[in-house]
Amino acid sequence: MKKSTKSPRAANPSSRSKVIPKQKSLELTDDIRGRIAMKAYELYEQCGRDGSREMNHWLEAEQIVMTELRRADS
């Protein structure tokens, strides 16, 4: 007969992964994409028009705009 053993993680609740509440999903409309594009362009200009960081500017702009929209929605 096989003896059952508990893992150390199961015995220690503080070692379990934390559940992060899922944020409300927003649909990327043309208006939202336009806002992200304008913010990305602002970031591009603020960084001295460094075209090598295009993806970074877009992702940062996306995060900024989505945060603004979530705050306005709550």
N, C-alpha and C. Protein backbone atom coordinates (compact mmCIF):
# COMPACT_ATOMS: atom_id res chain seq x y z
N MET A 1 0.84 -1.17 0.00
CA MET A 1 0.00 0.00 0.00
C MET A 1 0.89 1.24 0.00
N LYS A 2 0.55 2.22 -0.82
CA LYS A 2 1.35 3.42 -0.97
C LYS A 2 0.97 4.45 0.08
N LYS A 3 1.96 4.99 0.75
CA LYS A 3 1.73 5.98 1.80
C LYS A 3 1.59 7.36 1.15
N SER A 4 0.54 8.08 1.50
CA SER A 4 0.34 9.40 0.92
C SER A 4 1.14 10.44 1.71
N THR A 5 1.80 11.31 0.98
CA THR A 5 2.56 12.38 1.62
C THR A 5 2.11 13.71 1.06
N LYS A 6 2.06 14.68 1.93
CA LYS A 6 1.69 16.03 1.50
C LYS A 6 2.96 16.79 1.15
N SER A 7 2.84 17.61 0.14
CA SER A 7 3.99 18.43 -0.23
C SER A 7 4.12 19.57 0.78
N PRO A 8 5.33 20.10 0.97
CA PRO A 8 5.51 21.22 1.90
C PRO A 8 4.67 22.43 1.52
N ARG A 9 4.43 22.64 0.21
CA ARG A 9 3.62 23.77 -0.23
C ARG A 9 2.18 23.63 0.22
N ALA A 10 1.65 22.40 0.16
CA ALA A 10 0.26 22.18 0.55
C ALA A 10 0.08 22.43 2.05
N ALA A 11 1.09 22.14 2.84
CA ALA A 11 0.99 22.31 4.28
C ALA A 11 1.15 23.76 4.71
N ASN A 12 1.78 24.57 3.89
CA ASN A 12 2.05 25.96 4.25
C ASN A 12 1.25 26.90 3.35
N PRO A 13 0.11 27.42 3.83
CA PRO A 13 -0.73 28.28 3.00
C PRO A 13 -0.02 29.53 2.49
N SER A 14 0.96 30.04 3.22
CA SER A 14 1.63 31.26 2.78
C SER A 14 2.52 31.02 1.57
N SER A 15 2.85 29.75 1.28
CA SER A 15 3.69 29.46 0.13
C SER A 15 2.88 29.23 -1.14
N ARG A 16 1.56 29.20 -1.01
CA ARG A 16 0.71 29.03 -2.19
C ARG A 16 0.71 30.32 -3.00
N SER A 17 0.51 30.18 -4.29
CA SER A 17 0.49 31.36 -5.15
C SER A 17 -0.75 32.19 -4.81
N LYS A 18 -0.58 33.46 -4.87
CA LYS A 18 -1.67 34.39 -4.57
C LYS A 18 -2.56 34.53 -5.79
N VAL A 19 -3.85 34.67 -5.56
CA VAL A 19 -4.80 34.87 -6.65
C VAL A 19 -4.96 36.37 -6.83
N ILE A 20 -4.68 36.81 -8.04
CA ILE A 20 -4.81 38.23 -8.36
C ILE A 20 -6.15 38.42 -9.05
N PRO A 21 -6.97 39.35 -8.55
CA PRO A 21 -8.27 39.55 -9.18
C PRO A 21 -8.11 39.96 -10.63
N LYS A 22 -8.93 39.37 -11.48
CA LYS A 22 -8.86 39.67 -12.90
C LYS A 22 -9.50 41.04 -13.15
N GLN A 23 -8.79 41.87 -13.92
CA GLN A 23 -9.33 43.18 -14.23
C GLN A 23 -10.34 43.06 -15.36
N LYS A 24 -11.27 43.98 -15.36
CA LYS A 24 -12.29 43.99 -16.39
C LYS A 24 -11.61 44.19 -17.75
N SER A 25 -11.97 43.38 -18.69
CA SER A 25 -11.39 43.44 -20.02
C SER A 25 -12.04 44.57 -20.81
N LEU A 26 -11.21 45.33 -21.50
CA LEU A 26 -11.71 46.41 -22.35
C LEU A 26 -11.50 46.03 -23.80
N GLU A 27 -12.50 46.30 -24.61
CA GLU A 27 -12.39 46.03 -26.04
C GLU A 27 -11.55 47.13 -26.69
N LEU A 28 -10.58 46.72 -27.52
CA LEU A 28 -9.74 47.70 -28.20
C LEU A 28 -10.47 48.25 -29.42
N THR A 29 -11.16 49.34 -29.22
CA THR A 29 -11.89 49.98 -30.31
C THR A 29 -10.92 50.85 -31.10
N ASP A 30 -11.38 51.35 -32.23
CA ASP A 30 -10.56 52.25 -33.04
C ASP A 30 -10.19 53.50 -32.24
N ASP A 31 -11.14 53.97 -31.41
CA ASP A 31 -10.89 55.15 -30.59
C ASP A 31 -9.76 54.89 -29.59
N ILE A 32 -9.79 53.75 -28.95
CA ILE A 32 -8.74 53.41 -27.97
C ILE A 32 -7.41 53.24 -28.67
N ARG A 33 -7.39 52.57 -29.83
CA ARG A 33 -6.14 52.43 -30.58
C ARG A 33 -5.58 53.80 -30.98
N GLY A 34 -6.47 54.72 -31.34
CA GLY A 34 -6.04 56.07 -31.69
C GLY A 34 -5.41 56.79 -30.50
N ARG A 35 -6.03 56.62 -29.32
CA ARG A 35 -5.47 57.23 -28.10
C ARG A 35 -4.10 56.64 -27.78
N ILE A 36 -3.97 55.32 -27.96
CA ILE A 36 -2.68 54.68 -27.70
C ILE A 36 -1.63 55.20 -28.68
N ALA A 37 -2.01 55.33 -29.95
CA ALA A 37 -1.08 55.82 -30.97
C ALA A 37 -0.61 57.25 -30.65
N MET A 38 -1.54 58.09 -30.22
CA MET A 38 -1.15 59.47 -29.88
C MET A 38 -0.21 59.49 -28.67
N LYS A 39 -0.51 58.67 -27.67
CA LYS A 39 0.35 58.61 -26.48
C LYS A 39 1.72 58.05 -26.85
N ALA A 40 1.76 57.04 -27.71
CA ALA A 40 3.03 56.46 -28.15
C ALA A 40 3.86 57.51 -28.89
N TYR A 41 3.21 58.33 -29.68
CA TYR A 41 3.93 59.39 -30.40
C TYR A 41 4.48 60.42 -29.42
N GLU A 42 3.69 60.75 -28.40
CA GLU A 42 4.19 61.68 -27.36
C GLU A 42 5.45 61.11 -26.70
N LEU A 43 5.41 59.83 -26.37
CA LEU A 43 6.57 59.18 -25.73
C LEU A 43 7.77 59.17 -26.68
N TYR A 44 7.52 58.93 -27.95
CA TYR A 44 8.56 58.95 -28.98
C TYR A 44 9.24 60.31 -29.02
N GLU A 45 8.44 61.37 -29.00
CA GLU A 45 9.01 62.72 -29.03
C GLU A 45 9.75 63.04 -27.73
N GLN A 46 9.21 62.61 -26.60
CA GLN A 46 9.87 62.86 -25.32
C GLN A 46 11.22 62.17 -25.22
N CYS A 47 11.36 61.07 -25.94
CA CYS A 47 12.63 60.31 -25.92
C CYS A 47 13.56 60.72 -27.05
N GLY A 48 13.36 61.92 -27.58
CA GLY A 48 14.26 62.42 -28.61
C GLY A 48 14.08 61.75 -29.97
N ARG A 49 12.86 61.33 -30.24
CA ARG A 49 12.52 60.71 -31.52
C ARG A 49 13.40 59.50 -31.84
N ASP A 50 13.59 58.68 -30.83
CA ASP A 50 14.38 57.46 -30.96
C ASP A 50 13.48 56.37 -31.53
N GLY A 51 13.59 56.12 -32.83
CA GLY A 51 12.75 55.14 -33.52
C GLY A 51 13.06 53.69 -33.16
N SER A 52 14.18 53.45 -32.50
CA SER A 52 14.54 52.08 -32.14
C SER A 52 13.71 51.55 -30.97
N ARG A 53 12.94 52.42 -30.31
CA ARG A 53 12.15 52.01 -29.15
C ARG A 53 10.65 52.02 -29.46
N GLU A 54 10.31 51.84 -30.71
CA GLU A 54 8.92 51.91 -31.15
C GLU A 54 8.00 50.99 -30.36
N MET A 55 8.39 49.75 -30.20
CA MET A 55 7.56 48.78 -29.47
C MET A 55 7.43 49.17 -28.00
N ASN A 56 8.52 49.63 -27.40
CA ASN A 56 8.48 50.06 -26.00
C ASN A 56 7.52 51.23 -25.83
N HIS A 57 7.57 52.19 -26.76
CA HIS A 57 6.66 53.33 -26.68
C HIS A 57 5.21 52.88 -26.80
N TRP A 58 4.95 51.96 -27.71
CA TRP A 58 3.57 51.48 -27.89
C TRP A 58 3.08 50.77 -26.63
N LEU A 59 3.89 49.87 -26.10
CA LEU A 59 3.47 49.11 -24.92
C LEU A 59 3.27 50.01 -23.71
N GLU A 60 4.15 50.97 -23.53
CA GLU A 60 4.00 51.91 -22.41
C GLU A 60 2.74 52.76 -22.61
N ALA A 61 2.51 53.21 -23.83
CA ALA A 61 1.32 54.01 -24.12
C ALA A 61 0.05 53.19 -23.88
N GLU A 62 0.08 51.93 -24.29
CA GLU A 62 -1.07 51.05 -24.08
C GLU A 62 -1.38 50.91 -22.60
N GLN A 63 -0.35 50.73 -21.80
CA GLN A 63 -0.54 50.59 -20.36
C GLN A 63 -1.11 51.87 -19.76
N ILE A 64 -0.60 53.02 -20.18
CA ILE A 64 -1.07 54.30 -19.66
C ILE A 64 -2.53 54.51 -20.01
N VAL A 65 -2.89 54.31 -21.28
CA VAL A 65 -4.26 54.55 -21.73
C VAL A 65 -5.23 53.58 -21.06
N MET A 66 -4.86 52.31 -20.98
CA MET A 66 -5.76 51.34 -20.35
C MET A 66 -5.96 51.63 -18.87
N THR A 67 -4.92 52.08 -18.19
CA THR A 67 -5.04 52.46 -16.78
C THR A 67 -5.98 53.65 -16.64
N GLU A 68 -5.83 54.63 -17.52
CA GLU A 68 -6.71 55.80 -17.48
C GLU A 68 -8.17 55.39 -17.70
N LEU A 69 -8.40 54.50 -18.66
CA LEU A 69 -9.76 54.06 -18.95
C LEU A 69 -10.37 53.28 -17.79
N ARG A 70 -9.58 52.43 -17.17
CA ARG A 70 -10.10 51.66 -16.03
C ARG A 70 -10.44 52.57 -14.85
N ARG A 71 -9.59 53.56 -14.63
CA ARG A 71 -9.87 54.52 -13.53
C ARG A 71 -11.13 55.30 -13.80
N ALA A 72 -11.32 55.72 -15.05
CA ALA A 72 -12.50 56.49 -15.40
C ALA A 72 -13.77 55.64 -15.34
N ASP A 73 -13.61 54.33 -15.56
CA ASP A 73 -14.75 53.40 -15.56
C ASP A 73 -15.19 53.03 -14.15
N SER A 74 -14.31 53.19 -13.16
CA SER A 74 -14.66 52.76 -11.80
C SER A 74 -15.28 53.84 -10.98
